[in-house]
């Protein structure tokens, strides 16, 4: 009886180690590379998180910057908003022009964010309106 128990234990160890090696091989050879993937966690106004993937190789995408601004003292004092703003442009000339006007763009964005209250951007419709407002401000600059 002791030899049957030992044999079962050895078989169990071999099976478990084989499964572990198989999983390690599958993780190492997968196409998704955890080290090079750029993942940002964005927290929505309602407390949910979502993953945002940014393609920095896309030349038509201009990263304008990260912005933090105090919100208007409407319904909840002491609130602030943080956004990461990027814009898709048609060619590199527009990209260069945006880099030259970076100070003006930053001032426009911070002014727009400071004028908003929490209740204005807490809903999905409010976020859509904020995106549209940012787009209009960037196009007018």
C-alpha atoms as a PDB file:
ATOM      1  CA  UNK A   1       0.000   0.000   0.000  1.00  0.00           C
ATOM      2  CA  UNK A   2       2.840   2.418   0.686  1.00  0.00           C
ATOM      3  CA  UNK A   3       4.217   2.035  -2.828  1.00  0.00           C
ATOM      4  CA  UNK A   4       0.811   2.906  -4.328  1.00  0.00           C
ATOM      5  CA  UNK A   5       0.644   6.100  -2.253  1.00  0.00           C
ATOM      6  CA  UNK A   6       4.179   7.082  -3.210  1.00  0.00           C
ATOM      7  CA  UNK A   7       3.461   6.343  -6.868  1.00  0.00           C
ATOM      8  CA  UNK A   8       0.267   8.479  -6.762  1.00  0.00           C
ATOM      9  CA  UNK A   9       2.136  11.353  -5.109  1.00  0.00           C
ATOM     10  CA  UNK A  10       4.908  11.183  -7.726  1.00  0.00           C
ATOM     11  CA  UNK A  11       2.354  11.109 -10.558  1.00  0.00           C
ATOM     12  CA  UNK A  12       0.539  14.104  -9.017  1.00  0.00           C
ATOM     13  CA  UNK A  13       3.768  16.088  -8.715  1.00  0.00           C
ATOM     14  CA  UNK A  14       4.717  15.298 -12.320  1.00  0.00           C
ATOM     15  CA  UNK A  15       1.262  16.300 -13.604  1.00  0.00           C
ATOM     16  CA  UNK A  16       1.231  19.569 -11.625  1.00  0.00           C
ATOM     17  CA  UNK A  17       4.753  20.515 -12.694  1.00  0.00           C
ATOM     18  CA  UNK A  18       3.868  19.743 -16.332  1.00  0.00           C
ATOM     19  CA  UNK A  19       0.836  22.019 -16.109  1.00  0.00           C
ATOM     20  CA  UNK A  20       2.968  24.755 -14.524  1.00  0.00           C
ATOM     21  CA  UNK A  21       5.583  24.510 -17.273  1.00  0.00           C
ATOM     22  CA  UNK A  22       2.872  24.585 -19.928  1.00  0.00           C
ATOM     23  CA  UNK A  23       1.316  27.732 -18.437  1.00  0.00           C
ATOM     24  CA  UNK A  24       4.734  29.425 -18.132  1.00  0.00           C
ATOM     25  CA  UNK A  25       5.493  28.621 -21.773  1.00  0.00           C
ATOM     26  CA  UNK A  26       2.125  29.972 -22.911  1.00  0.00           C
ATOM     27  CA  UNK A  27       2.611  33.241 -21.005  1.00  0.00           C
ATOM     28  CA  UNK A  28       6.160  33.781 -22.287  1.00  0.00           C
ATOM     29  CA  UNK A  29       5.307  33.126 -25.933  1.00  0.00           C
ATOM     30  CA  UNK A  30       2.061  35.087 -26.059  1.00  0.00           C
ATOM     31  CA  UNK A  31       1.833  38.060 -28.416  1.00  0.00           C
ATOM     32  CA  UNK A  32       0.853  40.445 -25.633  1.00  0.00           C
ATOM     33  CA  UNK A  33       3.925  41.793 -23.899  1.00  0.00           C
ATOM     34  CA  UNK A  34       3.100  43.170 -20.462  1.00  0.00           C
ATOM     35  CA  UNK A  35       6.288  45.232 -20.261  1.00  0.00           C
ATOM     36  CA  UNK A  36       5.789  47.285 -23.427  1.00  0.00           C
ATOM     37  CA  UNK A  37       2.037  47.798 -23.370  1.00  0.00           C
ATOM     38  CA  UNK A  38       1.094  51.318 -22.350  1.00  0.00           C
ATOM     39  CA  UNK A  39      -1.969  51.140 -20.135  1.00  0.00           C
ATOM     40  CA  UNK A  40      -3.426  54.070 -18.296  1.00  0.00           C
ATOM     41  CA  UNK A  41      -6.215  53.772 -15.812  1.00  0.00           C
ATOM     42  CA  UNK A  42      -8.799  56.470 -16.255  1.00  0.00           C
ATOM     43  CA  UNK A  43     -11.315  56.992 -13.511  1.00  0.00           C
ATOM     44  CA  UNK A  44     -14.656  58.164 -14.751  1.00  0.00           C
ATOM     45  CA  UNK A  45     -16.817  60.555 -12.773  1.00  0.00           C
ATOM     46  CA  UNK A  46     -18.977  57.773 -11.403  1.00  0.00           C
ATOM     47  CA  UNK A  47     -16.009  55.871  -9.937  1.00  0.00           C
ATOM     48  CA  UNK A  48     -15.588  53.252 -12.662  1.00  0.00           C
ATOM     49  CA  UNK A  49     -12.187  52.535 -14.137  1.00  0.00           C
ATOM     50  CA  UNK A  50     -11.412  51.759 -17.732  1.00  0.00           C
ATOM     51  CA  UNK A  51      -8.236  51.036 -19.627  1.00  0.00           C
ATOM     52  CA  UNK A  52      -7.008  53.494 -22.192  1.00  0.00           C
ATOM     53  CA  UNK A  53      -4.454  52.392 -24.721  1.00  0.00           C
ATOM     54  CA  UNK A  54      -2.482  55.135 -26.415  1.00  0.00           C
ATOM     55  CA  UNK A  55      -0.565  54.577 -29.634  1.00  0.00           C
ATOM     56  CA  UNK A  56       2.447  56.884 -29.365  1.00  0.00           C
ATOM     57  CA  UNK A  57       3.767  55.732 -32.753  1.00  0.00           C
ATOM     58  CA  UNK A  58       0.851  57.416 -34.512  1.00  0.00           C
ATOM     59  CA  UNK A  59       2.308  60.669 -35.839  1.00  0.00           C
ATOM     60  CA  UNK A  60      -1.078  62.282 -36.171  1.00  0.00           C
ATOM     61  CA  UNK A  61      -1.676  62.045 -32.420  1.00  0.00           C
ATOM     62  CA  UNK A  62      -0.291  65.015 -30.472  1.00  0.00           C
ATOM     63  CA  UNK A  63      -0.070  64.697 -26.693  1.00  0.00           C
ATOM     64  CA  UNK A  64      -0.998  68.137 -25.387  1.00  0.00           C
ATOM     65  CA  UNK A  65      -0.486  67.402 -21.728  1.00  0.00           C
ATOM     66  CA  UNK A  66      -1.846  66.399 -18.353  1.00  0.00           C
ATOM     67  CA  UNK A  67      -4.049  69.002 -16.708  1.00  0.00           C
ATOM     68  CA  UNK A  68      -5.217  69.453 -13.127  1.00  0.00           C
ATOM     69  CA  UNK A  69      -7.601  72.293 -12.323  1.00  0.00           C
ATOM     70  CA  UNK A  70      -9.806  73.312  -9.410  1.00  0.00           C
ATOM     71  CA  UNK A  71     -13.463  73.151 -10.333  1.00  0.00           C
ATOM     72  CA  UNK A  72     -15.926  75.995 -10.009  1.00  0.00           C
ATOM     73  CA  UNK A  73     -17.392  76.419  -6.522  1.00  0.00           C
ATOM     74  CA  UNK A  74     -20.883  75.432  -7.645  1.00  0.00           C
ATOM     75  CA  UNK A  75     -22.259  72.374  -5.903  1.00  0.00           C
ATOM     76  CA  UNK A  76     -19.247  70.769  -4.216  1.00  0.00           C
ATOM     77  CA  UNK A  77     -16.382  72.913  -3.015  1.00  0.00           C
ATOM     78  CA  UNK A  78     -12.888  71.484  -3.018  1.00  0.00           C
ATOM     79  CA  UNK A  79     -13.282  69.299  -6.109  1.00  0.00           C
ATOM     80  CA  UNK A  80     -10.692  69.184  -8.850  1.00  0.00           C
ATOM     81  CA  UNK A  81     -10.490  67.556 -12.253  1.00  0.00           C
ATOM     82  CA  UNK A  82      -7.549  65.796 -13.900  1.00  0.00           C
ATOM     83  CA  UNK A  83      -7.455  65.029 -17.600  1.00  0.00           C
ATOM     84  CA  UNK A  84      -4.948  63.862 -20.158  1.00  0.00           C
ATOM     85  CA  UNK A  85      -5.484  65.648 -23.450  1.00  0.00           C
ATOM     86  CA  UNK A  86      -4.384  64.428 -26.865  1.00  0.00           C
ATOM     87  CA  UNK A  87      -5.452  65.610 -30.290  1.00  0.00           C
ATOM     88  CA  UNK A  88      -5.453  63.912 -33.655  1.00  0.00           C
ATOM     89  CA  UNK A  89      -4.093  66.186 -36.391  1.00  0.00           C
ATOM     90  CA  UNK A  90      -4.004  65.804 -40.149  1.00  0.00           C
ATOM     91  CA  UNK A  91      -0.309  66.471 -40.771  1.00  0.00           C
ATOM     92  CA  UNK A  92       2.951  67.348 -39.074  1.00  0.00           C
ATOM     93  CA  UNK A  93       2.586  71.078 -39.864  1.00  0.00           C
ATOM     94  CA  UNK A  94      -0.454  71.298 -37.607  1.00  0.00           C
ATOM     95  CA  UNK A  95       1.428  69.280 -34.995  1.00  0.00           C
ATOM     96  CA  UNK A  96       4.312  71.766 -35.052  1.00  0.00           C
ATOM     97  CA  UNK A  97       1.889  74.691 -34.838  1.00  0.00           C
ATOM     98  CA  UNK A  98       0.218  73.140 -31.776  1.00  0.00           C
ATOM     99  CA  UNK A  99       3.597  72.726 -30.098  1.00  0.00           C
ATOM    100  CA  UNK A 100       4.358  76.407 -30.736  1.00  0.00           C
ATOM    101  CA  UNK A 101       1.000  77.476 -29.245  1.00  0.00           C
ATOM    102  CA  UNK A 102       1.282  75.149 -26.248  1.00  0.00           C
ATOM    103  CA  UNK A 103       1.008  77.953 -23.668  1.00  0.00           C
ATOM    104  CA  UNK A 104      -2.157  79.381 -25.246  1.00  0.00           C
ATOM    105  CA  UNK A 105      -3.705  75.918 -25.503  1.00  0.00           C
ATOM    106  CA  UNK A 106      -2.894  75.121 -21.863  1.00  0.00           C
ATOM    107  CA  UNK A 107      -4.452  78.412 -20.734  1.00  0.00           C
ATOM    108  CA  UNK A 108      -7.635  77.739 -22.731  1.00  0.00           C
ATOM    109  CA  UNK A 109      -7.955  74.198 -21.359  1.00  0.00           C
ATOM    110  CA  UNK A 110      -7.399  75.217 -17.732  1.00  0.00           C
ATOM    111  CA  UNK A 111      -9.888  78.091 -18.096  1.00  0.00           C
ATOM    112  CA  UNK A 112     -12.497  75.711 -19.496  1.00  0.00           C
ATOM    113  CA  UNK A 113     -11.936  73.138 -16.752  1.00  0.00           C
ATOM    114  CA  UNK A 114     -12.058  75.760 -13.989  1.00  0.00           C
ATOM    115  CA  UNK A 115     -15.423  77.028 -15.224  1.00  0.00           C
ATOM    116  CA  UNK A 116     -17.072  73.595 -14.909  1.00  0.00           C
ATOM    117  CA  UNK A 117     -18.810  72.257 -11.803  1.00  0.00           C
ATOM    118  CA  UNK A 118     -18.801  68.641 -10.684  1.00  0.00           C
ATOM    119  CA  UNK A 119     -22.435  68.104 -11.628  1.00  0.00           C
ATOM    120  CA  UNK A 120     -21.770  69.369 -15.164  1.00  0.00           C
ATOM    121  CA  UNK A 121     -19.209  66.659 -15.935  1.00  0.00           C
ATOM    122  CA  UNK A 122     -20.295  63.807 -13.645  1.00  0.00           C
ATOM    123  CA  UNK A 123     -22.676  62.282 -16.195  1.00  0.00           C
ATOM    124  CA  UNK A 124     -21.761  60.649 -19.521  1.00  0.00           C
ATOM    125  CA  UNK A 125     -23.529  63.496 -21.333  1.00  0.00           C
ATOM    126  CA  UNK A 126     -21.450  65.986 -19.365  1.00  0.00           C
ATOM    127  CA  UNK A 127     -18.247  64.233 -20.378  1.00  0.00           C
ATOM    128  CA  UNK A 128     -19.360  64.333 -24.006  1.00  0.00           C
ATOM    129  CA  UNK A 129     -20.072  68.074 -23.699  1.00  0.00           C
ATOM    130  CA  UNK A 130     -16.634  68.594 -22.114  1.00  0.00           C
ATOM    131  CA  UNK A 131     -14.952  66.751 -25.005  1.00  0.00           C
ATOM    132  CA  UNK A 132     -16.852  68.868 -27.515  1.00  0.00           C
ATOM    133  CA  UNK A 133     -15.917  72.051 -25.634  1.00  0.00           C
ATOM    134  CA  UNK A 134     -12.238  71.017 -25.627  1.00  0.00           C
ATOM    135  CA  UNK A 135     -12.406  70.255 -29.358  1.00  0.00           C
ATOM    136  CA  UNK A 136     -13.942  73.658 -30.122  1.00  0.00           C
ATOM    137  CA  UNK A 137     -11.352  75.463 -27.995  1.00  0.00           C
ATOM    138  CA  UNK A 138      -8.478  73.627 -29.699  1.00  0.00           C
ATOM    139  CA  UNK A 139      -9.861  74.374 -33.157  1.00  0.00           C
ATOM    140  CA  UNK A 140     -10.280  78.069 -32.336  1.00  0.00           C
ATOM    141  CA  UNK A 141      -6.683  78.426 -31.133  1.00  0.00           C
END
